[in-house]
Amino acid sequence: MGLELLRCDGGCIVLPEVGAALIDRVDGGNLIVNPPRDVWERSELSADELMRWSFLVAATGAAMLEVLPQLEGGCINYWEAGNWALNEHAEPKGFKTARKFRSVHLHLLGRSPRALNSDAKWGEAPKFPDYAMRQDWTAKNELLTPDECRQVIMRLEEILLSKYQFTRDMIKKME
């Protein structure tokens, strides 16, 4: 599941598990934003839940861009995920329906103009492997450092409070 960095009324921010980042930290990094409750499709969220999750997503992207030096001149790709859970080789093996097995979450993929990995080449869509190759492919990608995560979360909290009218009691930082 990864390390939860912050939880709030809009959902939670998660650092992927070791060996599961989709973009290496030097190429921009990868954080995951989960909605406030588990849903298979974003339209299942209430209007208030969807609004607060959207605020959390936007604020997280802004915080990454502001504090991560590797993203200077870069951008964020927002990738709605949950597809690998549907693969016939994922547990439980066999055909799966999205409604029952998919869990919506967004990967925020930092995109650096100076990316070293050809799968994250600037000006191109990021390239992801097929399900069977995902672990070998992601194993080479380093996570954002603890200090980078702290800086993103500190700035994220400021943005939620100042721009999106979250209150301190709506935000819980993880220790």
Foldseek 3Di string as FASTA:
>chain_A
DAAWFKQFLQFTKGWDDQLQWLAAVLQQAKIKGAFNDWFLDLVPDDPVSSVSVVLLVVLLQVLSCPQRPQLVVWGKDKDWDFVLQQDCCHPVHHGDDSRVGGTTMIMIGRGGCPGDDPQRHPPDHRDADPSVCNSVNSNPGHHDDPVSSVSSVVSSVVCCVPPVVDDPVRMDGDD
